[in-house]
């Protein structure tokens, strides 16, 4: 390395390394390798039984509660609300569970 005319700061070694790899690999690969990561696309969501909510589980005595599941989804692949068929122990059958706000 040409050290004589270069002041050493904590990040100077990294700058030298980036300059060397620019010459070897090209500009586009360097940007992917040294740029900071973005936000994580995975988020935690809560799924709630839609038939229990529709029947009013809190008002009527038919079902003792509302079934809820916690899962993850990818925001880029599923930008809308997630709906999955899951088993509801209060309805005793498979029903559609929809995503709710936290």
PDB file of N, CA and C in Angstrom:
ATOM      1  N   UNK A   1       0.835  -1.192   0.000  1.00  0.00           N
ATOM      2  CA  UNK A   1       0.000   0.000   0.000  1.00  0.00           C
ATOM      3  C   UNK A   1       0.876   1.251   0.000  1.00  0.00           C
ATOM      4  N   UNK A   2       0.465   2.262  -0.710  1.00  0.00           N
ATOM      5  CA  UNK A   2       1.208   3.533  -0.631  1.00  0.00           C
ATOM      6  C   UNK A   2       0.809   4.278   0.638  1.00  0.00           C
ATOM      7  N   UNK A   3       1.569   4.096   1.701  1.00  0.00           N
ATOM      8  CA  UNK A   3       1.208   4.619   3.013  1.00  0.00           C
ATOM      9  C   UNK A   3       1.774   6.009   3.250  1.00  0.00           C
ATOM     10  N   UNK A   4       2.803   6.410   2.574  1.00  0.00           N
ATOM     11  CA  UNK A   4       3.529   7.639   2.897  1.00  0.00           C
ATOM     12  C   UNK A   4       2.668   8.896   2.824  1.00  0.00           C
ATOM     13  N   UNK A   5       1.789   9.022   1.826  1.00  0.00           N
ATOM     14  CA  UNK A   5       1.001  10.249   1.685  1.00  0.00           C
ATOM     15  C   UNK A   5      -0.455  10.069   2.115  1.00  0.00           C
ATOM     16  N   UNK A   6      -0.785   9.059   2.873  1.00  0.00           N
ATOM     17  CA  UNK A   6      -2.169   8.777   3.283  1.00  0.00           C
ATOM     18  C   UNK A   6      -2.271   8.856   4.802  1.00  0.00           C
ATOM     19  N   UNK A   7      -3.160   9.713   5.325  1.00  0.00           N
ATOM     20  CA  UNK A   7      -3.349   9.832   6.767  1.00  0.00           C
ATOM     21  C   UNK A   7      -4.203   8.669   7.252  1.00  0.00           C
ATOM     22  N   UNK A   8      -3.843   8.099   8.376  1.00  0.00           N
ATOM     23  CA  UNK A   8      -4.588   6.944   8.870  1.00  0.00           C
ATOM     24  C   UNK A   8      -5.666   7.369   9.852  1.00  0.00           C
ATOM     25  N   UNK A   9      -6.907   7.212   9.420  1.00  0.00           N
ATOM     26  CA  UNK A   9      -8.075   7.375  10.257  1.00  0.00           C
ATOM     27  C   UNK A   9      -8.632   5.983  10.493  1.00  0.00           C
ATOM     28  N   UNK A  10      -9.578   5.801  11.393  1.00  0.00           N
ATOM     29  CA  UNK A  10     -10.124   4.461  11.636  1.00  0.00           C
ATOM     30  C   UNK A  10     -10.721   3.799  10.393  1.00  0.00           C
ATOM     31  N   UNK A  11     -11.204   4.592   9.439  1.00  0.00           N
ATOM     32  CA  UNK A  11     -11.832   4.020   8.257  1.00  0.00           C
ATOM     33  C   UNK A  11     -10.891   3.979   7.059  1.00  0.00           C
ATOM     34  N   UNK A  12      -9.645   4.389   7.219  1.00  0.00           N
ATOM     35  CA  UNK A  12      -8.743   4.484   6.073  1.00  0.00           C
ATOM     36  C   UNK A  12      -8.440   3.113   5.459  1.00  0.00           C
ATOM     37  N   UNK A  13      -8.301   2.093   6.284  1.00  0.00           N
ATOM     38  CA  UNK A  13      -8.020   0.768   5.755  1.00  0.00           C
ATOM     39  C   UNK A  13      -9.181   0.271   4.895  1.00  0.00           C
ATOM     40  N   UNK A  14     -10.387   0.568   5.336  1.00  0.00           N
ATOM     41  CA  UNK A  14     -11.565   0.172   4.564  1.00  0.00           C
ATOM     42  C   UNK A  14     -11.602   0.893   3.224  1.00  0.00           C
ATOM     43  N   UNK A  15     -11.247   2.172   3.212  1.00  0.00           N
ATOM     44  CA  UNK A  15     -11.227   2.925   1.956  1.00  0.00           C
ATOM     45  C   UNK A  15     -10.202   2.355   0.983  1.00  0.00           C
ATOM     46  N   UNK A  16      -9.040   1.988   1.496  1.00  0.00           N
ATOM     47  CA  UNK A  16      -8.013   1.388   0.643  1.00  0.00           C
ATOM     48  C   UNK A  16      -8.504   0.062   0.066  1.00  0.00           C
ATOM     49  N   UNK A  17      -9.164  -0.711   0.902  1.00  0.00           N
ATOM     50  CA  UNK A  17      -9.670  -2.016   0.461  1.00  0.00           C
ATOM     51  C   UNK A  17     -10.758  -1.865  -0.602  1.00  0.00           C
ATOM     52  N   UNK A  18     -11.628  -0.871  -0.431  1.00  0.00           N
ATOM     53  CA  UNK A  18     -12.689  -0.630  -1.410  1.00  0.00           C
ATOM     54  C   UNK A  18     -12.083  -0.205  -2.745  1.00  0.00           C
ATOM     55  N   UNK A  19     -11.083   0.658  -2.702  1.00  0.00           N
ATOM     56  CA  UNK A  19     -10.435   1.114  -3.939  1.00  0.00           C
ATOM     57  C   UNK A  19      -9.776  -0.052  -4.671  1.00  0.00           C
ATOM     58  N   UNK A  20      -9.153  -0.950  -3.929  1.00  0.00           N
ATOM     59  CA  UNK A  20      -8.521  -2.117  -4.557  1.00  0.00           C
ATOM     60  C   UNK A  20      -9.566  -3.018  -5.213  1.00  0.00           C
ATOM     61  N   UNK A  21     -10.676  -3.255  -4.501  1.00  0.00           N
ATOM     62  CA  UNK A  21     -11.692  -4.149  -5.043  1.00  0.00           C
ATOM     63  C   UNK A  21     -12.452  -3.512  -6.200  1.00  0.00           C
ATOM     64  N   UNK A  22     -12.537  -2.189  -6.246  1.00  0.00           N
ATOM     65  CA  UNK A  22     -13.145  -1.520  -7.393  1.00  0.00           C
ATOM     66  C   UNK A  22     -12.370  -1.844  -8.660  1.00  0.00           C
ATOM     67  N   UNK A  23     -11.060  -1.841  -8.539  1.00  0.00           N
ATOM     68  CA  UNK A  23     -10.219  -2.138  -9.698  1.00  0.00           C
ATOM     69  C   UNK A  23     -10.382  -3.596 -10.117  1.00  0.00           C
ATOM     70  N   UNK A  24     -10.501  -4.499  -9.142  1.00  0.00           N
ATOM     71  CA  UNK A  24     -10.585  -5.930  -9.453  1.00  0.00           C
ATOM     72  C   UNK A  24     -11.970  -6.350  -9.942  1.00  0.00           C
ATOM     73  N   UNK A  25     -13.017  -5.976  -9.209  1.00  0.00           N
ATOM     74  CA  UNK A  25     -14.353  -6.512  -9.460  1.00  0.00           C
ATOM     75  C   UNK A  25     -15.241  -5.624 -10.324  1.00  0.00           C
ATOM     76  N   UNK A  26     -15.095  -4.345 -10.231  1.00  0.00           N
ATOM     77  CA  UNK A  26     -16.005  -3.437 -10.917  1.00  0.00           C
ATOM     78  C   UNK A  26     -16.901  -2.748  -9.900  1.00  0.00           C
ATOM     79  N   UNK A  27     -17.557  -1.684 -10.315  1.00  0.00           N
ATOM     80  CA  UNK A  27     -18.312  -0.814  -9.408  1.00  0.00           C
ATOM     81  C   UNK A  27     -19.567  -1.472  -8.836  1.00  0.00           C
ATOM     82  N   UNK A  28     -20.333  -2.230  -9.634  1.00  0.00           N
ATOM     83  CA  UNK A  28     -21.633  -2.730  -9.183  1.00  0.00           C
ATOM     84  C   UNK A  28     -21.505  -3.751  -8.053  1.00  0.00           C
ATOM     85  N   UNK A  29     -20.515  -4.634  -8.107  1.00  0.00           N
ATOM     86  CA  UNK A  29     -20.358  -5.625  -7.053  1.00  0.00           C
ATOM     87  C   UNK A  29     -19.898  -4.987  -5.756  1.00  0.00           C
ATOM     88  N   UNK A  30     -19.140  -3.925  -5.834  1.00  0.00           N
ATOM     89  CA  UNK A  30     -18.676  -3.226  -4.635  1.00  0.00           C
ATOM     90  C   UNK A  30     -19.860  -2.610  -3.911  1.00  0.00           C
ATOM     91  N   UNK A  31     -20.786  -2.016  -4.626  1.00  0.00           N
ATOM     92  CA  UNK A  31     -21.930  -1.373  -3.982  1.00  0.00           C
ATOM     93  C   UNK A  31     -22.770  -2.390  -3.227  1.00  0.00           C
ATOM     94  N   UNK A  32     -22.971  -3.574  -3.805  1.00  0.00           N
ATOM     95  CA  UNK A  32     -23.763  -4.590  -3.113  1.00  0.00           C
ATOM     96  C   UNK A  32     -23.043  -5.095  -1.880  1.00  0.00           C
ATOM     97  N   UNK A  33     -21.718  -5.144  -1.916  1.00  0.00           N
ATOM     98  CA  UNK A  33     -20.970  -5.745  -0.832  1.00  0.00           C
ATOM     99  C   UNK A  33     -20.793  -4.812   0.364  1.00  0.00           C
ATOM    100  N   UNK A  34     -20.594  -3.540   0.116  1.00  0.00           N
ATOM    101  CA  UNK A  34     -20.272  -2.614   1.205  1.00  0.00           C
ATOM    102  C   UNK A  34     -21.396  -1.673   1.593  1.00  0.00           C
ATOM    103  N   UNK A  35     -22.514  -1.677   0.888  1.00  0.00           N
ATOM    104  CA  UNK A  35     -23.610  -0.778   1.242  1.00  0.00           C
ATOM    105  C   UNK A  35     -24.391  -1.371   2.422  1.00  0.00           C
ATOM    106  N   UNK A  36     -24.974  -0.520   3.271  1.00  0.00           N
ATOM    107  CA  UNK A  36     -25.723  -1.045   4.427  1.00  0.00           C
ATOM    108  C   UNK A  36     -26.988  -1.771   3.983  1.00  0.00           C
ATOM    109  N   UNK A  37     -27.429  -2.677   4.819  1.00  0.00           N
ATOM    110  CA  UNK A  37     -28.629  -3.456   4.530  1.00  0.00           C
ATOM    111  C   UNK A  37     -29.870  -2.598   4.722  1.00  0.00           C
ATOM    112  N   UNK A  38     -30.954  -2.949   4.006  1.00  0.00           N
ATOM    113  CA  UNK A  38     -32.226  -2.226   4.129  1.00  0.00           C
ATOM    114  C   UNK A  38     -33.054  -2.787   5.277  1.00  0.00           C
ATOM    115  N   UNK A  39     -34.306  -2.365   5.346  1.00  0.00           N
ATOM    116  CA  UNK A  39     -35.201  -2.869   6.380  1.00  0.00           C
ATOM    117  C   UNK A  39     -35.546  -4.321   6.108  1.00  0.00           C
ATOM    118  N   UNK A  40     -35.781  -5.054   7.160  1.00  0.00           N
ATOM    119  CA  UNK A  40     -36.149  -6.455   7.013  1.00  0.00           C
ATOM    120  C   UNK A  40     -37.573  -6.540   6.465  1.00  0.00           C
ATOM    121  N   UNK A  41     -37.786  -7.275   5.353  1.00  0.00           N
ATOM    122  CA  UNK A  41     -39.136  -7.345   4.786  1.00  0.00           C
ATOM    123  C   UNK A  41     -40.089  -8.221   5.601  1.00  0.00           C
ATOM    124  N   UNK A  42     -39.586  -9.042   6.531  1.00  0.00           N
ATOM    125  CA  UNK A  42     -40.445  -9.921   7.329  1.00  0.00           C
ATOM    126  C   UNK A  42     -41.003  -9.158   8.531  1.00  0.00           C
ATOM    127  N   UNK A  43     -42.313  -9.249   8.708  1.00  0.00           N
ATOM    128  CA  UNK A  43     -42.976  -8.616   9.854  1.00  0.00           C
ATOM    129  C   UNK A  43     -43.854  -9.656  10.552  1.00  0.00           C
ATOM    130  N   UNK A  44     -44.030  -9.483  11.856  1.00  0.00           N
ATOM    131  CA  UNK A  44     -44.886 -10.370  12.645  1.00  0.00           C
ATOM    132  C   UNK A  44     -46.328  -9.876  12.556  1.00  0.00           C
ATOM    133  N   UNK A  45     -47.249 -10.790  12.279  1.00  0.00           N
ATOM    134  CA  UNK A  45     -48.666 -10.429  12.167  1.00  0.00           C
ATOM    135  C   UNK A  45     -49.498 -11.349  13.061  1.00  0.00           C
ATOM    136  N   UNK A  46     -50.690 -10.880  13.429  1.00  0.00           N
ATOM    137  CA  UNK A  46     -51.629 -11.660  14.239  1.00  0.00           C
ATOM    138  C   UNK A  46     -52.824 -12.006  13.360  1.00  0.00           C
ATOM    139  N   UNK A  47     -53.169 -13.291  13.320  1.00  0.00           N
ATOM    140  CA  UNK A  47     -54.327 -13.761  12.561  1.00  0.00           C
ATOM    141  C   UNK A  47     -55.462 -14.068  13.534  1.00  0.00           C
ATOM    142  N   UNK A  48     -56.661 -13.590  13.210  1.00  0.00           N
ATOM    143  CA  UNK A  48     -57.825 -13.770  14.090  1.00  0.00           C
ATOM    144  C   UNK A  48     -58.945 -14.448  13.322  1.00  0.00           C
ATOM    145  N   UNK A  49     -59.652 -15.344  14.003  1.00  0.00           N
ATOM    146  CA  UNK A  49     -60.759 -16.079  13.380  1.00  0.00           C
ATOM    147  C   UNK A  49     -61.864 -15.103  12.976  1.00  0.00           C
ATOM    148  N   UNK A  50     -62.261 -15.157  11.695  1.00  0.00           N
ATOM    149  CA  UNK A  50     -63.281 -14.215  11.218  1.00  0.00           C
ATOM    150  C   UNK A  50     -64.693 -14.645  11.617  1.00  0.00           C
ATOM    151  N   UNK A  51     -64.949 -15.946  11.748  1.00  0.00           N
ATOM    152  CA  UNK A  51     -66.310 -16.381  12.102  1.00  0.00           C
ATOM    153  C   UNK A  51     -66.603 -16.116  13.577  1.00  0.00           C
ATOM    154  N   UNK A  52     -65.614 -16.224  14.454  1.00  0.00           N
ATOM    155  CA  UNK A  52     -65.830 -15.894  15.872  1.00  0.00           C
ATOM    156  C   UNK A  52     -66.131 -14.409  16.042  1.00  0.00           C
ATOM    157  N   UNK A  53     -65.408 -13.574  15.287  1.00  0.00           N
ATOM    158  CA  UNK A  53     -65.629 -12.132  15.368  1.00  0.00           C
ATOM    159  C   UNK A  53     -66.999 -11.785  14.805  1.00  0.00           C
ATOM    160  N   UNK A  54     -67.374 -12.428  13.704  1.00  0.00           N
ATOM    161  CA  UNK A  54     -68.663 -12.165  13.071  1.00  0.00           C
ATOM    162  C   UNK A  54     -69.814 -12.564  13.981  1.00  0.00           C
ATOM    163  N   UNK A  55     -69.651 -13.682  14.702  1.00  0.00           N
ATOM    164  CA  UNK A  55     -70.705 -14.141  15.609  1.00  0.00           C
ATOM    165  C   UNK A  55     -70.743 -13.341  16.901  1.00  0.00           C
ATOM    166  N   UNK A  56     -69.724 -12.542  17.151  1.00  0.00           N
ATOM    167  CA  UNK A  56     -69.686 -11.754  18.379  1.00  0.00           C
ATOM    168  C   UNK A  56     -69.381 -12.613  19.579  1.00  0.00           C
ATOM    169  N   UNK A  57     -68.166 -13.140  19.636  1.00  0.00           N
ATOM    170  CA  UNK A  57     -67.781 -14.069  20.698  1.00  0.00           C
ATOM    171  C   UNK A  57     -67.871 -13.428  22.079  1.00  0.00           C
ATOM    172  N   UNK A  58     -67.647 -12.131  22.145  1.00  0.00           N
ATOM    173  CA  UNK A  58     -67.705 -11.463  23.451  1.00  0.00           C
ATOM    174  C   UNK A  58     -69.151 -11.263  23.924  1.00  0.00           C
ATOM    175  N   UNK A  59     -70.103 -11.136  22.980  1.00  0.00           N
ATOM    176  CA  UNK A  59     -71.488 -10.832  23.340  1.00  0.00           C
ATOM    177  C   UNK A  59     -72.299 -12.089  23.626  1.00  0.00           C
ATOM    178  N   UNK A  60     -72.206 -13.070  22.710  1.00  0.00           N
ATOM    179  CA  UNK A  60     -72.989 -14.289  22.870  1.00  0.00           C
ATOM    180  C   UNK A  60     -72.204 -15.336  23.653  1.00  0.00           C
ATOM    181  N   UNK A  61     -72.886 -16.274  24.214  1.00  0.00           N
ATOM    182  CA  UNK A  61     -72.241 -17.343  24.985  1.00  0.00           C
ATOM    183  C   UNK A  61     -71.986 -18.590  24.144  1.00  0.00           C
ATOM    184  N   UNK A  62     -72.196 -18.506  22.797  1.00  0.00           N
ATOM    185  CA  UNK A  62     -71.966 -19.666  21.940  1.00  0.00           C
ATOM    186  C   UNK A  62     -70.508 -20.087  21.952  1.00  0.00           C
ATOM    187  N   UNK A  63     -69.610 -19.129  21.728  1.00  0.00           N
ATOM    188  CA  UNK A  63     -68.181 -19.451  21.731  1.00  0.00           C
ATOM    189  C   UNK A  63     -67.513 -18.715  22.892  1.00  0.00           C
ATOM    190  N   UNK A  64     -66.628 -19.413  23.629  1.00  0.00           N
ATOM    191  CA  UNK A  64     -66.025 -18.815  24.815  1.00  0.00           C
ATOM    192  C   UNK A  64     -64.932 -17.792  24.526  1.00  0.00           C
ATOM    193  N   UNK A  65     -64.446 -17.684  23.291  1.00  0.00           N
ATOM    194  CA  UNK A  65     -63.380 -16.728  22.998  1.00  0.00           C
ATOM    195  C   UNK A  65     -63.135 -16.581  21.516  1.00  0.00           C
ATOM    196  N   UNK A  66     -62.036 -15.920  21.167  1.00  0.00           N
ATOM    197  CA  UNK A  66     -61.648 -15.694  19.783  1.00  0.00           C
ATOM    198  C   UNK A  66     -60.288 -16.338  19.559  1.00  0.00           C
ATOM    199  N   UNK A  67     -60.187 -17.129  18.496  1.00  0.00           N
ATOM    200  CA  UNK A  67     -58.940 -17.816  18.173  1.00  0.00           C
ATOM    201  C   UNK A  67     -57.969 -16.847  17.504  1.00  0.00           C
ATOM    202  N   UNK A  68     -56.708 -16.846  17.955  1.00  0.00           N
ATOM    203  CA  UNK A  68     -55.673 -15.992  17.359  1.00  0.00           C
ATOM    204  C   UNK A  68     -54.398 -16.786  17.162  1.00  0.00           C
ATOM    205  N   UNK A  69     -53.732 -16.533  16.046  1.00  0.00           N
ATOM    206  CA  UNK A  69     -52.444 -17.139  15.729  1.00  0.00           C
ATOM    207  C   UNK A  69     -51.441 -16.024  15.457  1.00  0.00           C
ATOM    208  N   UNK A  70     -50.174 -16.253  15.783  1.00  0.00           N
ATOM    209  CA  UNK A  70     -49.095 -15.313  15.476  1.00  0.00           C
ATOM    210  C   UNK A  70     -48.200 -15.963  14.435  1.00  0.00           C
ATOM    211  N   UNK A  71     -47.908 -15.235  13.352  1.00  0.00           N
ATOM    212  CA  UNK A  71     -47.056 -15.749  12.289  1.00  0.00           C
ATOM    213  C   UNK A  71     -46.272 -14.593  11.674  1.00  0.00           C
ATOM    214  N   UNK A  72     -45.502 -14.883  10.631  1.00  0.00           N
ATOM    215  CA  UNK A  72     -44.729 -13.858   9.928  1.00  0.00           C
ATOM    216  C   UNK A  72     -45.137 -13.823   8.470  1.00  0.00           C
ATOM    217  N   UNK A  73     -44.965 -12.641   7.848  1.00  0.00           N
ATOM    218  CA  UNK A  73     -45.216 -12.518   6.419  1.00  0.00           C
ATOM    219  C   UNK A  73     -44.154 -11.611   5.811  1.00  0.00           C
ATOM    220  N   UNK A  74     -43.955 -11.761   4.504  1.00  0.00           N
ATOM    221  CA  UNK A  74     -43.013 -10.923   3.774  1.00  0.00           C
ATOM    222  C   UNK A  74     -43.791  -9.754   3.180  1.00  0.00           C
ATOM    223  N   UNK A  75     -43.407  -8.530   3.535  1.00  0.00           N
ATOM    224  CA  UNK A  75     -44.140  -7.348   3.066  1.00  0.00           C
ATOM    225  C   UNK A  75     -44.067  -7.179   1.558  1.00  0.00           C
ATOM    226  N   UNK A  76     -42.931  -7.579   0.951  1.00  0.00           N
ATOM    227  CA  UNK A  76     -42.778  -7.397  -0.494  1.00  0.00           C
ATOM    228  C   UNK A  76     -43.642  -8.379  -1.278  1.00  0.00           C
ATOM    229  N   UNK A  77     -43.733  -9.623  -0.816  1.00  0.00           N
ATOM    230  CA  UNK A  77     -44.527 -10.636  -1.521  1.00  0.00           C
ATOM    231  C   UNK A  77     -46.017 -10.529  -1.212  1.00  0.00           C
ATOM    232  N   UNK A  78     -46.367 -10.112   0.002  1.00  0.00           N
ATOM    233  CA  UNK A  78     -47.765 -10.026   0.424  1.00  0.00           C
ATOM    234  C   UNK A  78     -48.040  -8.632   0.979  1.00  0.00           C
ATOM    235  N   UNK A  79     -48.232  -7.630   0.118  1.00  0.00           N
ATOM    236  CA  UNK A  79     -48.443  -6.271   0.632  1.00  0.00           C
ATOM    237  C   UNK A  79     -49.817  -6.073   1.271  1.00  0.00           C
ATOM    238  N   UNK A  80     -50.813  -6.863   0.859  1.00  0.00           N
ATOM    239  CA  UNK A  80     -52.166  -6.727   1.411  1.00  0.00           C
ATOM    240  C   UNK A  80     -52.317  -7.509   2.700  1.00  0.00           C
ATOM    241  N   UNK A  81     -53.556  -7.613   3.157  1.00  0.00           N
ATOM    242  CA  UNK A  81     -53.839  -8.362   4.383  1.00  0.00           C
ATOM    243  C   UNK A  81     -53.749  -9.859   4.126  1.00  0.00           C
ATOM    244  N   UNK A  82     -53.153 -10.585   5.071  1.00  0.00           N
ATOM    245  CA  UNK A  82     -52.976 -12.022   4.951  1.00  0.00           C
ATOM    246  C   UNK A  82     -54.206 -12.746   5.489  1.00  0.00           C
ATOM    247  N   UNK A  83     -54.674 -13.764   4.763  1.00  0.00           N
ATOM    248  CA  UNK A  83     -55.780 -14.610   5.220  1.00  0.00           C
ATOM    249  C   UNK A  83     -55.393 -16.067   5.002  1.00  0.00           C
ATOM    250  N   UNK A  84     -55.463 -16.860   6.054  1.00  0.00           N
ATOM    251  CA  UNK A  84     -55.133 -18.279   5.985  1.00  0.00           C
ATOM    252  C   UNK A  84     -56.243 -19.092   6.630  1.00  0.00           C
ATOM    253  N   UNK A  85     -56.402 -20.334   6.170  1.00  0.00           N
ATOM    254  CA  UNK A  85     -57.355 -21.244   6.798  1.00  0.00           C
ATOM    255  C   UNK A  85     -56.648 -21.965   7.929  1.00  0.00           C
ATOM    256  N   UNK A  86     -57.110 -21.737   9.160  1.00  0.00           N
ATOM    257  CA  UNK A  86     -56.512 -22.353  10.345  1.00  0.00           C
ATOM    258  C   UNK A  86     -57.628 -22.986  11.178  1.00  0.00           C
ATOM    259  N   UNK A  87     -57.226 -23.854  12.107  1.00  0.00           N
ATOM    260  CA  UNK A  87     -58.210 -24.491  12.983  1.00  0.00           C
ATOM    261  C   UNK A  87     -58.566 -23.554  14.130  1.00  0.00           C
ATOM    262  N   UNK A  88     -59.863 -23.371  14.344  1.00  0.00           N
ATOM    263  CA  UNK A  88     -60.353 -22.553  15.453  1.00  0.00           C
ATOM    264  C   UNK A  88     -60.864 -23.496  16.541  1.00  0.00           C
ATOM    265  N   UNK A  89     -60.237 -23.514  17.727  1.00  0.00           N
ATOM    266  CA  UNK A  89     -60.690 -24.419  18.784  1.00  0.00           C
ATOM    267  C   UNK A  89     -62.047 -24.024  19.379  1.00  0.00           C
ATOM    268  N   UNK A  90     -62.485 -22.787  19.167  1.00  0.00           N
ATOM    269  CA  UNK A  90     -63.774 -22.351  19.696  1.00  0.00           C
ATOM    270  C   UNK A  90     -64.919 -22.713  18.753  1.00  0.00           C
ATOM    271  N   UNK A  91     -64.663 -22.722  17.436  1.00  0.00           N
ATOM    272  CA  UNK A  91     -65.673 -23.133  16.457  1.00  0.00           C
ATOM    273  C   UNK A  91     -65.604 -24.637  16.188  1.00  0.00           C
ATOM    274  N   UNK A  92     -64.519 -25.273  16.571  1.00  0.00           N
ATOM    275  CA  UNK A  92     -64.257 -26.697  16.330  1.00  0.00           C
ATOM    276  C   UNK A  92     -64.241 -27.034  14.844  1.00  0.00           C
ATOM    277  N   UNK A  93     -63.676 -26.139  14.005  1.00  0.00           N
ATOM    278  CA  UNK A  93     -63.535 -26.404  12.574  1.00  0.00           C
ATOM    279  C   UNK A  93     -62.482 -25.464  11.990  1.00  0.00           C
ATOM    280  N   UNK A  94     -62.093 -25.748  10.752  1.00  0.00           N
ATOM    281  CA  UNK A  94     -61.153 -24.888  10.050  1.00  0.00           C
ATOM    282  C   UNK A  94     -61.904 -23.684   9.490  1.00  0.00           C
ATOM    283  N   UNK A  95     -61.446 -22.495   9.835  1.00  0.00           N
ATOM    284  CA  UNK A  95     -62.072 -21.264   9.375  1.00  0.00           C
ATOM    285  C   UNK A  95     -61.006 -20.329   8.839  1.00  0.00           C
ATOM    286  N   UNK A  96     -61.440 -19.264   8.179  1.00  0.00           N
ATOM    287  CA  UNK A  96     -60.502 -18.272   7.661  1.00  0.00           C
ATOM    288  C   UNK A  96     -60.081 -17.353   8.798  1.00  0.00           C
ATOM    289  N   UNK A  97     -58.774 -17.234   8.968  1.00  0.00           N
ATOM    290  CA  UNK A  97     -58.199 -16.317   9.952  1.00  0.00           C
ATOM    291  C   UNK A  97     -57.569 -15.155   9.192  1.00  0.00           C
ATOM    292  N   UNK A  98     -57.995 -13.938   9.499  1.00  0.00           N
ATOM    293  CA  UNK A  98     -57.500 -12.742   8.807  1.00  0.00           C
ATOM    294  C   UNK A  98     -56.540 -11.949   9.671  1.00  0.00           C
ATOM    295  N   UNK A  99     -55.690 -11.185   8.995  1.00  0.00           N
ATOM    296  CA  UNK A  99     -54.705 -10.350   9.698  1.00  0.00           C
ATOM    297  C   UNK A  99     -55.409  -9.164  10.354  1.00  0.00           C
ATOM    298  N   UNK A 100     -54.977  -8.849  11.586  1.00  0.00           N
ATOM    299  CA  UNK A 100     -55.535  -7.700  12.312  1.00  0.00           C
ATOM    300  C   UNK A 100     -54.402  -6.749  12.656  1.00  0.00           C
ATOM    301  N   UNK A 101     -54.771  -5.528  13.028  1.00  0.00           N
ATOM    302  CA  UNK A 101     -53.767  -4.557  13.471  1.00  0.00           C
ATOM    303  C   UNK A 101     -53.348  -4.896  14.893  1.00  0.00           C
ATOM    304  N   UNK A 102     -52.116  -4.547  15.229  1.00  0.00           N
ATOM    305  CA  UNK A 102     -51.601  -4.807  16.583  1.00  0.00           C
ATOM    306  C   UNK A 102     -52.116  -3.794  17.566  1.00  0.00           C
TER     307      UNK A 102
END
